[in-house]
Amino acid sequence: MLHGIRIVKTFGLEPAMRERFDANVADVERESNKMARVGQRVNPLMETLGGLAVTVGMTYAGYRVIRTGASPGEFMSFITAFLLAYEPAKRLARLNIDLNAALVGVRILFEIIDGQSSEPVDDDRPALVAGNGRVEFARVKFFYPGGARVFRDLSFVAEPQKVTALVGPSGAGKSTVFNLILRLYEIDGGAIVIDGQNIAAVSRRSLRRQIAFVGQDVFLFRASIRDNIAFGRLGASDADIVAAAKAARAHDFIMGFEAGYDTPVGEHGFKLSGGERQRIAIARALIKDAPIILLDEATAALDSESEYQVQQAISELCKGRTTIVIAHRLSTIMHADRILVLEAGEVVESGRHSELLRAGGRYAAFHNIQLRQDSSAASEEPLPAQANA
């Protein structure tokens, strides 16, 4: 859950995750009690074996006293010292193990208790009223702790039911835009307005209810495929889950598993391929049916076949919704309604793909660089005949 905290917050899953956490703690407690019961059965057995060992020792010592003339006083001194030292030695051996195990838990507990809440509860604020999904940044200022400036006066508009793409070099602030819209970070000046409402004046829960997020690094919870899709809208029916999976081009591969939708995905979804995880994440966003989509390009690390399937699912996801895309590969946003080029925290260019290419500015430079990289990669790939040879 800590690894997937962005998904937890974006989809408003805090109550559901709290229930899952409590259930997991109960499971651990039950198994720990079982282990304790088994462990306590060992102690009487060890005490019995110890008693048998003492009995054997006393029998042998008695034999030595009677038959070989050994001193009874030496025998009794040894037995008395042995019995007095046995229990303290056993406890001392376990003390270090028990102490270290307890200190680890205590240390973590106090770190949590001493930590400050990252988000205050603001459910008493007015709820965001969803409209057509117009998103506006109005002279937004944002600084990281320590004074590092990200945005000084960032302004742009993501028009309703249109695709707005953000491109630019690493560190330009593309991911920060998403974090500010979701209020994972708070701005230091200006305003972010959705459908005429300043998001700083509404509750976080209502804000995130109107936004669906699909990241490049997909996080899936350790649960079944059905549960991971249903986390997009808690309480969704099986019919809704299947419909979302079909729209995300995921139904066919899901039914290829023996358990179908009840297939566990494993920790972080490791039992699925990259393309399959992406389509599950898109199905999760589809079932939420939010008017605003934040899409951190989901095809950057996929092979051609998986990329095609995911692109089809993304096209279905974006229909009739305001979509803001972080683009790493410019070929994927050629048909965007508006492309914003971010550099040093500012919008330096804006327009459609063809317009920006004709302008010959930063976007055209990025495009030419990627074309050269793609050409170099293609020329380095071996031909089929060479590969077989």
Protein backbone atom coordinates (compact mmCIF):
# COMPACT_ATOMS: atom_id res chain seq x y z
CA MET A 1 0.00 0.00 0.00
CA LEU A 2 2.90 2.37 0.69
CA HIS A 3 4.35 1.67 -2.75
CA GLY A 4 0.94 2.35 -4.30
CA ILE A 5 0.02 5.38 -2.19
CA ARG A 6 -0.48 7.54 -5.31
CA ILE A 7 -3.12 5.10 -6.57
CA VAL A 8 -4.70 4.87 -3.11
CA LYS A 9 -5.08 8.64 -2.91
CA THR A 10 -6.07 9.17 -6.55
CA PHE A 11 -8.90 6.64 -6.43
CA GLY A 12 -9.99 7.48 -2.88
CA LEU A 13 -9.22 3.99 -1.62
CA GLU A 14 -8.21 4.91 1.94
CA PRO A 15 -11.26 3.26 3.62
CA ALA A 16 -10.97 0.11 1.49
CA MET A 17 -7.22 -0.15 2.08
CA ARG A 18 -7.76 0.35 5.81
CA GLU A 19 -10.15 -2.60 5.81
CA ARG A 20 -7.67 -4.73 3.85
CA PHE A 21 -4.91 -3.71 6.25
CA ASP A 22 -7.02 -4.64 9.29
CA ALA A 23 -7.86 -7.99 7.69
CA ASN A 24 -4.17 -8.66 7.01
CA VAL A 25 -3.26 -7.76 10.58
CA ALA A 26 -5.95 -10.15 11.83
CA ASP A 27 -4.50 -12.90 9.62
CA VAL A 28 -1.00 -12.25 10.94
CA GLU A 29 -2.30 -12.27 14.52
CA ARG A 30 -4.09 -15.58 13.95
CA GLU A 31 -1.00 -17.20 12.42
CA SER A 32 1.22 -15.75 15.17
CA ASN A 33 -1.05 -17.26 17.82
CA LYS A 34 -0.85 -20.58 16.03
CA MET A 35 2.95 -20.37 15.97
CA ALA A 36 2.96 -19.45 19.67
CA ARG A 37 0.82 -22.46 20.53
CA VAL A 38 3.11 -24.75 18.59
CA GLY A 39 6.15 -23.14 20.21
CA GLN A 40 4.73 -23.62 23.68
CA ARG A 41 4.28 -27.32 22.98
CA VAL A 42 8.02 -27.56 22.41
CA ASN A 43 8.91 -26.18 25.86
CA PRO A 44 7.35 -29.04 27.86
CA LEU A 45 9.04 -31.52 25.54
CA MET A 46 12.42 -29.87 26.06
CA GLU A 47 11.85 -29.76 29.82
CA THR A 48 11.05 -33.48 29.77
CA LEU A 49 14.19 -34.25 27.78
CA GLY A 50 16.18 -32.10 30.19
CA GLY A 51 14.72 -34.00 33.13
CA LEU A 52 15.59 -37.32 31.48
CA ALA A 53 19.14 -36.07 30.94
CA VAL A 54 19.41 -35.12 34.63
CA THR A 55 18.02 -38.52 35.61
CA VAL A 56 20.61 -40.27 33.47
CA GLY A 57 23.32 -38.10 34.97
CA MET A 58 22.18 -38.82 38.53
CA THR A 59 21.98 -42.55 37.83
CA TYR A 60 25.49 -42.56 36.42
CA ALA A 61 26.78 -40.48 39.34
CA GLY A 62 25.12 -42.82 41.82
CA TYR A 63 26.79 -45.73 40.10
CA ARG A 64 30.15 -43.95 40.41
CA VAL A 65 29.61 -43.25 44.11
CA ILE A 66 28.57 -46.83 44.90
CA ARG A 67 30.91 -48.71 42.64
CA THR A 68 34.01 -46.58 42.21
CA GLY A 69 34.16 -44.67 45.50
CA ALA A 70 33.52 -41.18 44.13
CA SER A 71 32.71 -38.46 46.69
CA PRO A 72 28.93 -37.87 47.18
CA GLY A 73 29.64 -34.20 48.01
CA GLU A 74 31.23 -33.55 44.62
CA PHE A 75 28.28 -35.16 42.92
CA MET A 76 25.69 -33.07 44.80
CA SER A 77 27.66 -29.84 44.20
CA PHE A 78 27.75 -30.48 40.48
CA ILE A 79 24.04 -31.36 40.22
CA THR A 80 23.02 -28.31 42.31
CA ALA A 81 25.14 -25.90 40.22
CA PHE A 82 23.83 -27.42 37.00
CA LEU A 83 20.17 -27.11 38.00
CA LEU A 84 20.62 -23.53 39.26
CA ALA A 85 22.39 -22.41 36.08
CA TYR A 86 20.10 -24.13 33.59
CA GLU A 87 17.10 -21.80 33.65
CA PRO A 88 19.03 -18.46 33.74
CA ALA A 89 21.25 -19.61 30.88
CA LYS A 90 18.19 -20.51 28.80
CA ARG A 91 16.56 -17.14 29.45
CA LEU A 92 19.77 -15.25 28.74
CA ALA A 93 20.12 -16.98 25.38
CA ARG A 94 16.65 -15.83 24.35
CA LEU A 95 16.94 -12.33 25.78
CA ASN A 96 18.99 -10.85 22.91
CA ILE A 97 16.65 -12.31 20.26
CA ASP A 98 13.47 -11.11 21.99
CA LEU A 99 14.96 -7.70 22.76
CA ASN A 100 16.06 -7.01 19.17
CA ALA A 101 12.75 -8.20 17.73
CA ALA A 102 10.83 -5.93 20.10
CA LEU A 103 13.07 -2.91 19.50
CA VAL A 104 12.52 -3.05 15.73
CA GLY A 105 8.76 -2.81 16.18
CA VAL A 106 9.06 -0.10 18.84
CA ARG A 107 11.39 1.96 16.64
CA ILE A 108 9.00 1.82 13.68
CA LEU A 109 6.02 2.58 15.93
CA PHE A 110 7.61 5.74 17.31
CA GLU A 111 8.65 6.87 13.82
CA ILE A 112 5.00 6.64 12.76
CA ILE A 113 3.71 8.32 15.91
CA ASP A 114 6.24 11.16 15.63
CA GLY A 115 5.61 11.66 11.91
CA GLN A 116 3.34 14.47 10.77
CA SER A 117 0.25 13.86 8.68
CA SER A 118 0.95 14.78 5.07
CA GLU A 119 -2.66 15.73 4.37
CA PRO A 120 -5.12 17.33 6.76
CA VAL A 121 -8.68 16.03 6.74
CA ASP A 122 -10.77 18.51 4.74
CA ASP A 123 -14.04 16.64 4.16
CA ASP A 124 -15.88 19.61 5.69
CA ARG A 125 -15.05 21.71 2.61
CA PRO A 126 -17.47 21.99 -0.33
CA ALA A 127 -17.39 19.18 -2.86
CA LEU A 128 -16.16 19.78 -6.39
CA VAL A 129 -19.14 19.90 -8.74
CA ALA A 130 -18.23 18.08 -11.94
CA GLY A 131 -18.91 19.88 -15.19
CA ASN A 132 -17.36 19.39 -18.61
CA GLY A 133 -13.85 18.98 -17.19
CA ARG A 134 -12.11 22.26 -18.04
CA VAL A 135 -8.73 22.48 -16.24
CA GLU A 136 -6.91 25.81 -15.95
CA PHE A 137 -3.54 26.70 -14.44
CA ALA A 138 -3.56 30.39 -13.60
CA ARG A 139 -0.07 31.78 -12.83
CA VAL A 140 0.75 28.81 -10.64
CA LYS A 141 3.83 29.01 -8.44
CA PHE A 142 5.42 25.97 -6.84
CA PHE A 143 8.66 25.45 -4.94
CA TYR A 144 10.06 22.23 -3.56
CA PRO A 145 11.09 22.22 0.13
CA GLY A 146 14.42 23.98 0.32
CA GLY A 147 13.50 26.68 -2.17
CA ALA A 148 14.06 24.89 -5.49
CA ARG A 149 11.71 26.61 -7.98
CA VAL A 150 9.62 24.44 -10.29
CA PHE A 151 6.95 26.87 -11.56
CA ARG A 152 7.03 30.65 -11.35
CA ASP A 153 3.98 31.66 -13.39
CA LEU A 154 2.69 28.54 -15.14
CA SER A 155 -0.50 29.19 -17.09
CA PHE A 156 -2.37 26.99 -19.54
CA VAL A 157 -5.83 25.56 -20.19
CA ALA A 158 -6.78 21.95 -20.88
CA GLU A 159 -9.98 22.30 -22.86
CA PRO A 160 -12.99 20.10 -22.08
CA GLN A 161 -13.12 16.71 -23.84
CA LYS A 162 -9.83 17.43 -25.62
CA VAL A 163 -6.39 15.84 -25.41
CA THR A 164 -3.68 18.12 -24.05
CA ALA A 165 -0.13 16.75 -24.17
CA LEU A 166 2.80 17.87 -22.03
CA VAL A 167 6.28 17.34 -23.49
CA GLY A 168 9.72 18.51 -22.51
CA PRO A 169 13.04 17.41 -21.05
CA SER A 170 13.41 15.65 -17.69
CA GLY A 171 12.97 18.09 -14.84
CA ALA A 172 10.69 20.41 -16.80
CA GLY A 173 7.83 19.82 -14.32
CA LYS A 174 5.55 17.49 -16.27
CA SER A 175 4.94 15.03 -13.42
CA THR A 176 4.61 17.92 -10.97
CA VAL A 177 1.63 19.19 -12.97
CA PHE A 178 -0.19 15.91 -12.23
CA ASN A 179 0.77 16.02 -8.54
CA LEU A 180 -0.60 19.56 -8.27
CA ILE A 181 -3.88 18.70 -10.00
CA LEU A 182 -4.38 15.77 -7.62
CA ARG A 183 -3.30 17.96 -4.69
CA LEU A 184 -0.60 15.54 -3.70
CA TYR A 185 1.42 18.78 -3.55
CA GLU A 186 0.05 22.20 -2.62
CA ILE A 187 0.82 25.21 -4.81
CA ASP A 188 2.64 28.26 -3.42
CA GLY A 189 0.75 30.81 -5.47
CA GLY A 190 -1.78 31.28 -8.26
CA ALA A 191 -4.71 28.91 -8.72
CA ILE A 192 -5.71 25.64 -10.36
CA VAL A 193 -9.31 25.85 -11.47
CA ILE A 194 -11.55 22.98 -12.60
CA ASP A 195 -14.91 23.95 -14.09
CA GLY A 196 -14.65 27.37 -12.48
CA GLN A 197 -13.83 26.06 -9.00
CA ASN A 198 -10.52 26.59 -7.25
CA ILE A 199 -9.39 23.11 -6.22
CA ALA A 200 -7.77 24.53 -3.07
CA ALA A 201 -11.26 25.41 -1.79
CA VAL A 202 -12.82 21.95 -2.26
CA SER A 203 -12.27 18.68 -0.46
CA ARG A 204 -9.53 16.42 -1.75
CA ARG A 205 -11.84 13.42 -1.77
CA SER A 206 -14.36 15.10 -4.07
CA LEU A 207 -11.54 16.40 -6.32
CA ARG A 208 -9.96 12.99 -6.79
CA ARG A 209 -13.36 11.45 -7.40
CA GLN A 210 -13.49 13.40 -10.67
CA ILE A 211 -10.02 12.31 -11.86
CA ALA A 212 -8.69 8.99 -13.11
CA PHE A 213 -4.94 8.41 -13.23
CA VAL A 214 -2.95 5.90 -15.29
CA GLY A 215 0.79 5.97 -14.70
CA GLN A 216 3.71 4.72 -16.71
CA ASP A 217 4.78 2.51 -13.80
CA VAL A 218 1.57 0.60 -13.11
CA PHE A 219 0.85 -0.41 -9.54
CA LEU A 220 -1.46 -3.36 -8.93
CA PHE A 221 -2.44 -4.50 -5.48
CA ARG A 222 -1.85 -8.05 -4.26
CA ALA A 223 -5.35 -9.21 -5.07
CA SER A 224 -7.30 -10.73 -7.94
CA ILE A 225 -7.75 -9.12 -11.35
CA ARG A 226 -11.40 -8.54 -10.46
CA ASP A 227 -10.48 -6.67 -7.28
CA ASN A 228 -7.84 -4.54 -9.01
CA ILE A 229 -10.36 -3.37 -11.62
CA ALA A 230 -13.07 -2.84 -9.00
CA PHE A 231 -10.78 -0.55 -6.99
CA GLY A 232 -11.62 2.06 -9.62
CA ARG A 233 -15.18 2.13 -8.27
CA LEU A 234 -15.81 0.25 -5.05
CA GLY A 235 -18.97 -1.83 -5.18
CA ALA A 236 -18.96 -2.17 -8.97
CA SER A 237 -20.95 -5.12 -10.32
CA ASP A 238 -19.40 -8.03 -12.18
CA ALA A 239 -21.07 -6.81 -15.38
CA ASP A 240 -19.41 -3.39 -14.98
CA ILE A 241 -16.03 -5.01 -14.35
CA VAL A 242 -16.30 -7.19 -17.45
CA ALA A 243 -17.47 -4.23 -19.56
CA ALA A 244 -14.49 -2.14 -18.41
CA ALA A 245 -12.10 -5.01 -19.15
CA LYS A 246 -13.54 -5.44 -22.65
CA ALA A 247 -13.22 -1.73 -23.36
CA ALA A 248 -9.59 -1.88 -22.15
CA ARG A 249 -8.87 -4.84 -24.47
CA ALA A 250 -8.15 -6.98 -21.39
CA HIS A 251 -11.06 -9.45 -21.38
CA ASP A 252 -9.51 -11.94 -23.80
CA PHE A 253 -6.23 -12.44 -21.96
CA ILE A 254 -8.05 -12.51 -18.60
CA MET A 255 -10.26 -15.36 -19.78
CA GLY A 256 -7.11 -17.15 -20.92
CA PHE A 257 -6.20 -17.71 -17.26
CA GLU A 258 -7.64 -20.77 -15.56
CA ALA A 259 -9.23 -18.70 -12.78
CA GLY A 260 -10.33 -15.88 -15.11
CA TYR A 261 -11.11 -12.68 -13.23
CA ASP A 262 -10.28 -14.38 -9.92
CA THR A 263 -6.64 -14.84 -10.97
CA PRO A 264 -4.29 -13.33 -8.34
CA VAL A 265 -1.88 -10.84 -9.89
CA GLY A 266 0.81 -11.24 -7.24
CA GLU A 267 2.80 -8.56 -5.47
CA HIS A 268 2.93 -5.45 -7.70
CA GLY A 269 1.25 -7.54 -10.44
CA PHE A 270 4.43 -9.54 -11.18
CA LYS A 271 2.37 -12.45 -12.57
CA LEU A 272 1.26 -10.30 -15.52
CA SER A 273 3.25 -8.85 -18.41
CA GLY A 274 3.79 -5.11 -18.78
CA GLY A 275 1.07 -4.74 -21.41
CA GLU A 276 -1.40 -6.77 -19.34
CA ARG A 277 -0.76 -4.65 -16.26
CA GLN A 278 -1.30 -1.49 -18.28
CA ARG A 279 -4.63 -2.71 -19.61
CA ILE A 280 -5.78 -3.66 -16.10
CA ALA A 281 -4.88 -0.13 -14.96
CA ILE A 282 -6.81 1.35 -17.89
CA ALA A 283 -9.82 -0.84 -17.03
CA ARG A 284 -9.57 0.48 -13.46
CA ALA A 285 -9.66 4.04 -14.80
CA LEU A 286 -12.52 3.25 -17.20
CA ILE A 287 -14.77 1.83 -14.50
CA LYS A 288 -14.27 5.01 -12.46
CA ASP A 289 -15.89 6.96 -15.33
CA ALA A 290 -14.24 10.24 -14.29
CA PRO A 291 -14.50 13.32 -16.55
CA ILE A 292 -10.74 14.05 -16.29
CA ILE A 293 -7.96 11.62 -17.24
CA LEU A 294 -4.33 12.06 -16.25
CA LEU A 295 -2.19 9.79 -18.40
CA ASP A 296 1.55 9.36 -17.85
CA GLU A 297 2.30 7.75 -21.20
CA ALA A 298 1.71 4.06 -20.71
CA THR A 299 3.49 2.63 -23.73
CA ALA A 300 7.07 3.82 -23.27
CA ALA A 301 8.46 0.43 -22.18
CA LEU A 302 6.28 -1.96 -24.20
CA ASP A 303 6.90 -4.07 -27.28
CA SER A 304 5.08 -3.25 -30.52
CA GLU A 305 2.21 -5.71 -30.08
CA SER A 306 1.53 -4.71 -26.46
CA GLU A 307 1.84 -1.04 -27.41
CA TYR A 308 -0.85 -1.43 -30.08
CA GLN A 309 -3.24 -3.11 -27.61
CA VAL A 310 -2.62 -0.47 -24.95
CA GLN A 311 -3.05 2.38 -27.47
CA GLN A 312 -6.44 0.95 -28.45
CA ALA A 313 -7.43 0.83 -24.79
CA ILE A 314 -6.21 4.40 -24.23
CA SER A 315 -8.27 5.62 -27.19
CA GLU A 316 -11.36 4.11 -25.56
CA LEU A 317 -10.46 5.66 -22.21
CA CYS A 318 -10.07 9.19 -23.63
CA LYS A 319 -13.38 9.31 -25.53
CA GLY A 320 -15.46 12.27 -24.37
CA ARG A 321 -13.10 13.09 -21.49
CA THR A 322 -10.63 15.86 -20.76
CA THR A 323 -7.25 14.16 -21.07
CA ILE A 324 -3.86 15.48 -20.03
CA VAL A 325 -1.00 13.32 -21.27
CA ILE A 326 2.66 13.31 -20.33
CA ALA A 327 4.36 12.28 -23.57
CA HIS A 328 7.76 10.62 -23.67
CA ARG A 329 7.48 9.40 -27.25
CA LEU A 330 6.25 12.20 -29.49
CA SER A 331 4.80 9.74 -32.02
CA THR A 332 2.06 8.90 -29.54
CA ILE A 333 0.69 12.45 -29.28
CA MET A 334 0.75 13.50 -32.93
CA HIS A 335 -3.06 13.71 -32.94
CA ALA A 336 -3.37 15.61 -29.64
CA ASP A 337 -5.63 18.65 -29.78
CA ARG A 338 -2.94 20.77 -28.13
CA ILE A 339 0.70 20.17 -27.28
CA LEU A 340 2.44 22.20 -24.57
CA VAL A 341 6.23 22.23 -24.49
CA LEU A 342 7.49 22.71 -20.93
CA GLU A 343 11.02 23.83 -20.21
CA ALA A 344 12.42 25.17 -16.94
CA GLY A 345 8.90 25.19 -15.50
CA GLU A 346 7.39 27.34 -18.26
CA VAL A 347 5.32 26.77 -21.39
CA VAL A 348 7.70 27.78 -24.17
CA GLU A 349 5.59 26.51 -27.11
CA SER A 350 1.98 25.58 -27.70
CA GLY A 351 0.04 24.24 -30.66
CA ARG A 352 -0.75 21.14 -32.71
CA HIS A 353 1.88 18.71 -33.95
CA SER A 354 2.05 20.10 -37.51
CA GLU A 355 2.09 23.70 -36.31
CA LEU A 356 4.97 23.10 -33.92
CA LEU A 357 6.99 21.29 -36.55
CA ARG A 358 6.58 24.19 -38.96
CA ALA A 359 7.63 26.62 -36.23
CA GLY A 360 11.00 24.88 -36.00
CA GLY A 361 11.37 25.49 -32.26
CA ARG A 362 12.01 23.25 -29.26
CA TYR A 363 9.31 20.73 -30.19
CA ALA A 364 10.77 20.30 -33.67
CA ALA A 365 14.21 19.77 -32.09
CA PHE A 366 12.83 17.07 -29.77
CA HIS A 367 11.06 15.44 -32.70
CA ASN A 368 14.23 15.36 -34.84
CA ILE A 369 16.28 13.90 -31.98
CA GLN A 370 13.77 11.09 -31.47
CA LEU A 371 13.67 10.39 -35.20
CA ARG A 372 17.44 9.99 -35.23
CA GLN A 373 17.34 7.74 -32.16
CA ASP A 374 14.62 5.56 -33.69
CA SER A 375 16.57 5.33 -36.95
CA SER A 376 19.76 4.34 -35.12
CA ALA A 377 17.92 1.70 -33.08
CA ALA A 378 16.31 0.26 -36.22
CA SER A 379 19.67 0.08 -38.05
CA GLU A 380 21.26 -1.80 -35.13
CA GLU A 381 18.59 -4.52 -35.09
CA PRO A 382 19.81 -7.70 -36.87
CA LEU A 383 17.95 -8.90 -39.95
CA PRO A 384 15.98 -12.16 -39.54
CA ALA A 385 18.47 -14.08 -41.75
CA GLN A 386 21.41 -12.75 -39.73
CA ALA A 387 19.67 -13.57 -36.47
CA ASN A 388 19.02 -17.15 -37.62
CA ALA A 389 22.58 -17.48 -38.79
